[in-house]
Amino acid sequence: IEAVGSGYEGVGSRPEYNGEKSPINMLTT
């Protein structure tokens, strides 16, 4: 679930949390 280079940030998390997370690597609906 790593969204490489997306710039997404954590919401509700610690400031240092790596929030580059999304379903973008899943190619289908």
PDB file of all heavy atoms in Angstrom:
ATOM      1  N   ILE A   1       0.832  -1.215   0.000  1.00  0.00           N
ATOM      2  CA  ILE A   1       0.000   0.000   0.000  1.00  0.00           C
ATOM      3  C   ILE A   1       0.862   1.259   0.000  1.00  0.00           C
ATOM      4  O   ILE A   1       0.377   2.354   0.302  1.00  0.00           O
ATOM      5  CB  ILE A   1      -1.006   0.009   1.184  1.00  0.00           C
ATOM      6  CG1 ILE A   1      -0.358  -0.417   2.503  1.00  0.00           C
ATOM      7  CG2 ILE A   1      -2.163  -0.914   0.893  1.00  0.00           C
ATOM      8  CD1 ILE A   1       0.380   0.632   3.212  1.00  0.00           C
ATOM      9  N   GLU A   2       2.124   1.110  -0.405  1.00  0.00           N
ATOM     10  CA  GLU A   2       3.024   2.257  -0.461  1.00  0.00           C
ATOM     11  C   GLU A   2       2.786   3.054  -1.746  1.00  0.00           C
ATOM     12  O   GLU A   2       2.962   2.543  -2.848  1.00  0.00           O
ATOM     13  CB  GLU A   2       4.479   1.792  -0.395  1.00  0.00           C
ATOM     14  CG  GLU A   2       5.492   2.917  -0.407  1.00  0.00           C
ATOM     15  CD  GLU A   2       6.927   2.415  -0.359  1.00  0.00           C
ATOM     16  OE1 GLU A   2       7.123   1.202  -0.120  1.00  0.00           O
ATOM     17  OE2 GLU A   2       7.848   3.236  -0.572  1.00  0.00           O
ATOM     18  N   ALA A   3       2.408   4.303  -1.588  1.00  0.00           N
ATOM     19  CA  ALA A   3       2.185   5.191  -2.732  1.00  0.00           C
ATOM     20  C   ALA A   3       3.462   5.984  -2.964  1.00  0.00           C
ATOM     21  O   ALA A   3       3.625   7.108  -2.471  1.00  0.00           O
ATOM     22  CB  ALA A   3       0.995   6.112  -2.475  1.00  0.00           C
ATOM     23  N   VAL A   4       4.384   5.390  -3.720  1.00  0.00           N
ATOM     24  CA  VAL A   4       5.732   5.939  -3.875  1.00  0.00           C
ATOM     25  C   VAL A   4       5.685   7.338  -4.487  1.00  0.00           C
ATOM     26  O   VAL A   4       5.098   7.551  -5.554  1.00  0.00           O
ATOM     27  CB  VAL A   4       6.599   5.005  -4.749  1.00  0.00           C
ATOM     28  CG1 VAL A   4       7.989   5.608  -4.946  1.00  0.00           C
ATOM     29  CG2 VAL A   4       6.703   3.631  -4.108  1.00  0.00           C
ATOM     30  N   GLY A   5       6.286   8.305  -3.791  1.00  0.00           N
ATOM     31  CA  GLY A   5       6.402   9.654  -4.319  1.00  0.00           C
ATOM     32  C   GLY A   5       5.110  10.445  -4.357  1.00  0.00           C
ATOM     33  O   GLY A   5       5.051  11.514  -4.967  1.00  0.00           O
ATOM     34  N   SER A   6       4.076   9.951  -3.700  1.00  0.00           N
ATOM     35  CA  SER A   6       2.763  10.621  -3.764  1.00  0.00           C
ATOM     36  C   SER A   6       2.709  11.885  -2.927  1.00  0.00           C
ATOM     37  O   SER A   6       1.917  12.797  -3.209  1.00  0.00           O
ATOM     38  CB  SER A   6       1.667   9.664  -3.299  1.00  0.00           C
ATOM     39  OG  SER A   6       1.856   9.327  -1.920  1.00  0.00           O
ATOM     40  N   GLY A   7       3.511  11.939  -1.865  1.00  0.00           N
ATOM     41  CA  GLY A   7       3.437  13.077  -0.964  1.00  0.00           C
ATOM     42  C   GLY A   7       2.312  13.002   0.036  1.00  0.00           C
ATOM     43  O   GLY A   7       2.118  13.943   0.825  1.00  0.00           O
ATOM     44  N   TYR A   8       1.553  11.911   0.040  1.00  0.00           N
ATOM     45  CA  TYR A   8       0.482  11.773   1.031  1.00  0.00           C
ATOM     46  C   TYR A   8       1.082  11.771   2.430  1.00  0.00           C
ATOM     47  O   TYR A   8       2.184  11.262   2.664  1.00  0.00           O
ATOM     48  CB  TYR A   8      -0.308  10.484   0.820  1.00  0.00           C
ATOM     49  CG  TYR A   8      -1.035  10.398  -0.504  1.00  0.00           C
ATOM     50  CD1 TYR A   8      -1.011   9.215  -1.245  1.00  0.00           C
ATOM     51  CD2 TYR A   8      -1.737  11.478  -0.999  1.00  0.00           C
ATOM     52  CE1 TYR A   8      -1.664   9.120  -2.459  1.00  0.00           C
ATOM     53  CE2 TYR A   8      -2.406  11.398  -2.213  1.00  0.00           C
ATOM     54  CZ  TYR A   8      -2.356  10.223  -2.946  1.00  0.00           C
ATOM     55  OH  TYR A   8      -3.004  10.131  -4.146  1.00  0.00           O
ATOM     56  N   GLU A   9       0.326  12.312   3.368  1.00  0.00           N
ATOM     57  CA  GLU A   9       0.765  12.405   4.752  1.00  0.00           C
ATOM     58  C   GLU A   9      -0.237  11.713   5.665  1.00  0.00           C
ATOM     59  O   GLU A   9      -1.392  11.512   5.296  1.00  0.00           O
ATOM     60  CB  GLU A   9       0.930  13.872   5.167  1.00  0.00           C
ATOM     61  CG  GLU A   9       1.974  14.628   4.358  1.00  0.00           C
ATOM     62  CD  GLU A   9       2.060  16.096   4.741  1.00  0.00           C
ATOM     63  OE1 GLU A   9       1.226  16.537   5.567  1.00  0.00           O
ATOM     64  OE2 GLU A   9       2.947  16.793   4.224  1.00  0.00           O
ATOM     65  N   GLY A  10       0.230  11.381   6.861  1.00  0.00           N
ATOM     66  CA  GLY A  10      -0.662  10.792   7.844  1.00  0.00           C
ATOM     67  C   GLY A  10      -1.655  11.816   8.363  1.00  0.00           C
ATOM     68  O   GLY A  10      -1.351  13.006   8.476  1.00  0.00           O
ATOM     69  N   VAL A  11      -2.854  11.356   8.676  1.00  0.00           N
ATOM     70  CA  VAL A  11      -3.900  12.209   9.241  1.00  0.00           C
ATOM     71  C   VAL A  11      -4.291  11.630  10.591  1.00  0.00           C
ATOM     72  O   VAL A  11      -4.702  10.474  10.679  1.00  0.00           O
ATOM     73  CB  VAL A  11      -5.132  12.275   8.315  1.00  0.00           C
ATOM     74  CG1 VAL A  11      -6.249  13.105   8.959  1.00  0.00           C
ATOM     75  CG2 VAL A  11      -4.755  12.834   6.954  1.00  0.00           C
ATOM     76  N   GLY A  12      -4.108  12.420  11.644  1.00  0.00           N
ATOM     77  CA  GLY A  12      -4.380  11.944  12.999  1.00  0.00           C
ATOM     78  C   GLY A  12      -3.210  11.205  13.605  1.00  0.00           C
ATOM     79  O   GLY A  12      -3.320  10.645  14.697  1.00  0.00           O
ATOM     80  N   SER A  13      -2.075  11.185  12.902  1.00  0.00           N
ATOM     81  CA  SER A  13      -0.908  10.416  13.321  1.00  0.00           C
ATOM     82  C   SER A  13       0.161  11.325  13.909  1.00  0.00           C
ATOM     83  O   SER A  13       0.033  12.552  13.953  1.00  0.00           O
ATOM     84  CB  SER A  13      -0.333   9.679  12.113  1.00  0.00           C
ATOM     85  OG  SER A  13       0.123  10.619  11.135  1.00  0.00           O
ATOM     86  N   ARG A  14       1.277  10.709  14.315  1.00  0.00           N
ATOM     87  CA  ARG A  14       2.452  11.467  14.713  1.00  0.00           C
ATOM     88  C   ARG A  14       2.989  12.235  13.498  1.00  0.00           C
ATOM     89  O   ARG A  14       2.857  11.784  12.366  1.00  0.00           O
ATOM     90  CB  ARG A  14       3.546  10.517  15.221  1.00  0.00           C
ATOM     91  CG  ARG A  14       3.208   9.713  16.451  1.00  0.00           C
ATOM     92  CD  ARG A  14       4.207   8.585  16.603  1.00  0.00           C
ATOM     93  NE  ARG A  14       4.098   7.654  15.480  1.00  0.00           N
ATOM     94  CZ  ARG A  14       5.122   6.976  14.958  1.00  0.00           C
ATOM     95  NH1 ARG A  14       6.337   7.141  15.443  1.00  0.00           N
ATOM     96  NH2 ARG A  14       4.947   6.147  13.954  1.00  0.00           N
ATOM     97  N   PRO A  15       3.641  13.368  13.730  1.00  0.00           N
ATOM     98  CA  PRO A  15       4.173  14.161  12.599  1.00  0.00           C
ATOM     99  C   PRO A  15       5.165  13.378  11.752  1.00  0.00           C
ATOM    100  O   PRO A  15       5.231  13.571  10.533  1.00  0.00           O
ATOM    101  CB  PRO A  15       4.858  15.346  13.292  1.00  0.00           C
ATOM    102  CG  PRO A  15       4.165  15.463  14.612  1.00  0.00           C
ATOM    103  CD  PRO A  15       3.807  14.069  15.021  1.00  0.00           C
ATOM    104  N   GLU A  16       5.945  12.476  12.375  1.00  0.00           N
ATOM    105  CA  GLU A  16       6.971  11.750  11.631  1.00  0.00           C
ATOM    106  C   GLU A  16       6.431  10.511  10.925  1.00  0.00           C
ATOM    107  O   GLU A  16       7.183   9.798  10.243  1.00  0.00           O
ATOM    108  CB  GLU A  16       8.109  11.338  12.573  1.00  0.00           C
ATOM    109  CG  GLU A  16       7.716  10.384  13.683  1.00  0.00           C
ATOM    110  CD  GLU A  16       7.257  11.090  14.954  1.00  0.00           C
ATOM    111  OE1 GLU A  16       6.773  12.242  14.846  1.00  0.00           O
ATOM    112  OE2 GLU A  16       7.376  10.483  16.035  1.00  0.00           O
ATOM    113  N   TYR A  17       5.158  10.271  11.040  1.00  0.00           N
ATOM    114  CA  TYR A  17       4.569   9.077  10.429  1.00  0.00           C
ATOM    115  C   TYR A  17       4.624   9.180   8.904  1.00  0.00           C
ATOM    116  O   TYR A  17       4.316  10.230   8.330  1.00  0.00           O
ATOM    117  CB  TYR A  17       3.116   8.930  10.885  1.00  0.00           C
ATOM    118  CG  TYR A  17       2.379   7.746  10.297  1.00  0.00           C
ATOM    119  CD1 TYR A  17       2.539   6.466  10.823  1.00  0.00           C
ATOM    120  CD2 TYR A  17       1.510   7.909   9.217  1.00  0.00           C
ATOM    121  CE1 TYR A  17       1.860   5.378  10.291  1.00  0.00           C
ATOM    122  CE2 TYR A  17       0.826   6.831   8.678  1.00  0.00           C
ATOM    123  CZ  TYR A  17       1.010   5.570   9.219  1.00  0.00           C
ATOM    124  OH  TYR A  17       0.342   4.492   8.694  1.00  0.00           O
ATOM    125  N   ASN A  18       5.011   8.091   8.243  1.00  0.00           N
ATOM    126  CA  ASN A  18       5.045   8.056   6.776  1.00  0.00           C
ATOM    127  C   ASN A  18       3.640   7.768   6.253  1.00  0.00           C
ATOM    128  O   ASN A  18       3.172   6.639   6.304  1.00  0.00           O
ATOM    129  CB  ASN A  18       6.017   6.991   6.286  1.00  0.00           C
ATOM    130  CG  ASN A  18       6.092   6.918   4.775  1.00  0.00           C
ATOM    131  OD1 ASN A  18       5.465   7.709   4.062  1.00  0.00           O
ATOM    132  ND2 ASN A  18       6.851   5.975   4.259  1.00  0.00           N
ATOM    133  N   GLY A  19       2.983   8.774   5.739  1.00  0.00           N
ATOM    134  CA  GLY A  19       1.597   8.639   5.310  1.00  0.00           C
ATOM    135  C   GLY A  19       1.420   8.339   3.836  1.00  0.00           C
ATOM    136  O   GLY A  19       0.297   8.422   3.322  1.00  0.00           O
ATOM    137  N   GLU A  20       2.499   7.975   3.139  1.00  0.00           N
ATOM    138  CA  GLU A  20       2.375   7.666   1.705  1.00  0.00           C
ATOM    139  C   GLU A  20       1.723   6.300   1.525  1.00  0.00           C
ATOM    140  O   GLU A  20       2.355   5.332   1.106  1.00  0.00           O
ATOM    141  CB  GLU A  20       3.744   7.734   1.026  1.00  0.00           C
ATOM    142  CG  GLU A  20       4.273   9.145   0.853  1.00  0.00           C
ATOM    143  CD  GLU A  20       5.407   9.216  -0.149  1.00  0.00           C
ATOM    144  OE1 GLU A  20       6.207   8.257  -0.207  1.00  0.00           O
ATOM    145  OE2 GLU A  20       5.497  10.226  -0.883  1.00  0.00           O
ATOM    146  N   LYS A  21       0.437   6.243   1.826  1.00  0.00           N
ATOM    147  CA  LYS A  21      -0.307   4.987   1.793  1.00  0.00           C
ATOM    148  C   LYS A  21      -1.620   5.189   1.044  1.00  0.00           C
ATOM    149  O   LYS A  21      -2.348   6.155   1.295  1.00  0.00           O
ATOM    150  CB  LYS A  21      -0.583   4.485   3.214  1.00  0.00           C
ATOM    151  CG  LYS A  21       0.677   4.264   4.049  1.00  0.00           C
ATOM    152  CD  LYS A  21       0.351   3.817   5.458  1.00  0.00           C
ATOM    153  CE  LYS A  21       1.591   3.803   6.346  1.00  0.00           C
ATOM    154  NZ  LYS A  21       2.610   2.846   5.924  1.00  0.00           N
ATOM    155  N   SER A  22      -1.909   4.256   0.138  1.00  0.00           N
ATOM    156  CA  SER A  22      -3.150   4.309  -0.628  1.00  0.00           C
ATOM    157  C   SER A  22      -3.310   2.965  -1.342  1.00  0.00           C
ATOM    158  O   SER A  22      -2.390   2.138  -1.345  1.00  0.00           O
ATOM    159  CB  SER A  22      -3.107   5.453  -1.656  1.00  0.00           C
ATOM    160  OG  SER A  22      -2.437   5.040  -2.835  1.00  0.00           O
ATOM    161  N   PRO A  23      -4.455   2.751  -2.009  1.00  0.00           N
ATOM    162  CA  PRO A  23      -4.647   1.508  -2.769  1.00  0.00           C
ATOM    163  C   PRO A  23      -4.142   1.582  -4.205  1.00  0.00           C
ATOM    164  O   PRO A  23      -4.493   0.745  -5.034  1.00  0.00           O
ATOM    165  CB  PRO A  23      -6.173   1.348  -2.738  1.00  0.00           C
ATOM    166  CG  PRO A  23      -6.685   2.752  -2.735  1.00  0.00           C
ATOM    167  CD  PRO A  23      -5.696   3.547  -1.928  1.00  0.00           C
ATOM    168  N   ILE A  24      -3.297   2.552  -4.517  1.00  0.00           N
ATOM    169  CA  ILE A  24      -2.932   2.836  -5.905  1.00  0.00           C
ATOM    170  C   ILE A  24      -2.250   1.657  -6.602  1.00  0.00           C
ATOM    171  O   ILE A  24      -2.342   1.513  -7.832  1.00  0.00           O
ATOM    172  CB  ILE A  24      -2.004   4.087  -5.959  1.00  0.00           C
ATOM    173  CG1 ILE A  24      -1.857   4.605  -7.390  1.00  0.00           C
ATOM    174  CG2 ILE A  24      -0.666   3.796  -5.338  1.00  0.00           C
ATOM    175  CD1 ILE A  24      -3.128   5.119  -8.006  1.00  0.00           C
ATOM    176  N   ASN A  25      -1.577   0.782  -5.854  1.00  0.00           N
ATOM    177  CA  ASN A  25      -0.896  -0.356  -6.488  1.00  0.00           C
ATOM    178  C   ASN A  25      -1.856  -1.450  -6.936  1.00  0.00           C
ATOM    179  O   ASN A  25      -1.467  -2.345  -7.699  1.00  0.00           O
ATOM    180  CB  ASN A  25       0.141  -0.946  -5.532  1.00  0.00           C
ATOM    181  CG  ASN A  25       1.252   0.031  -5.219  1.00  0.00           C
ATOM    182  OD1 ASN A  25       1.728   0.740  -6.098  1.00  0.00           O
ATOM    183  ND2 ASN A  25       1.660   0.102  -3.958  1.00  0.00           N
ATOM    184  N   MET A  26      -3.092  -1.408  -6.452  1.00  0.00           N
ATOM    185  CA  MET A  26      -4.116  -2.362  -6.885  1.00  0.00           C
ATOM    186  C   MET A  26      -4.693  -1.871  -8.216  1.00  0.00           C
ATOM    187  O   MET A  26      -5.281  -0.792  -8.293  1.00  0.00           O
ATOM    188  CB  MET A  26      -5.208  -2.495  -5.821  1.00  0.00           C
ATOM    189  CG  MET A  26      -6.272  -3.524  -6.148  1.00  0.00           C
ATOM    190  SD  MET A  26      -7.285  -3.971  -4.709  1.00  0.00           S
ATOM    191  CE  MET A  26      -7.947  -2.360  -4.204  1.00  0.00           C
ATOM    192  N   LEU A  27      -4.532  -2.660  -9.259  1.00  0.00           N
ATOM    193  CA  LEU A  27      -4.794  -2.202 -10.625  1.00  0.00           C
ATOM    194  C   LEU A  27      -6.255  -2.301 -11.044  1.00  0.00           C
ATOM    195  O   LEU A  27      -6.627  -1.776 -12.092  1.00  0.00           O
ATOM    196  CB  LEU A  27      -3.936  -3.005 -11.603  1.00  0.00           C
ATOM    197  CG  LEU A  27      -2.422  -2.944 -11.353  1.00  0.00           C
ATOM    198  CD1 LEU A  27      -1.677  -3.857 -12.319  1.00  0.00           C
ATOM    199  CD2 LEU A  27      -1.912  -1.506 -11.471  1.00  0.00           C
ATOM    200  N   THR A  28      -7.091  -2.969 -10.260  1.00  0.00           N
ATOM    201  CA  THR A  28      -8.484  -3.195 -10.638  1.00  0.00           C
ATOM    202  C   THR A  28      -9.430  -2.507  -9.658  1.00  0.00           C
ATOM    203  O   THR A  28      -9.025  -2.071  -8.581  1.00  0.00           O
ATOM    204  CB  THR A  28      -8.789  -4.703 -10.657  1.00  0.00           C
ATOM    205  OG1 THR A  28      -8.557  -5.221  -9.339  1.00  0.00           O
ATOM    206  CG2 THR A  28      -7.908  -5.436 -11.644  1.00  0.00           C
ATOM    207  N   THR A  29     -10.686  -2.461 -10.039  1.00  0.00           N
ATOM    208  CA  THR A  29     -11.699  -1.945  -9.124  1.00  0.00           C
ATOM    209  C   THR A  29     -12.132  -3.044  -8.150  1.00  0.00           C
ATOM    210  O   THR A  29     -11.802  -4.219  -8.316  1.00  0.00           O
ATOM    211  CB  THR A  29     -12.940  -1.447  -9.887  1.00  0.00           C
ATOM    212  OG1 THR A  29     -13.544  -2.555 -10.588  1.00  0.00           O
ATOM    213  CG2 THR A  29     -12.599  -0.349 -10.869  1.00  0.00           C
TER     214      THR A  29
END
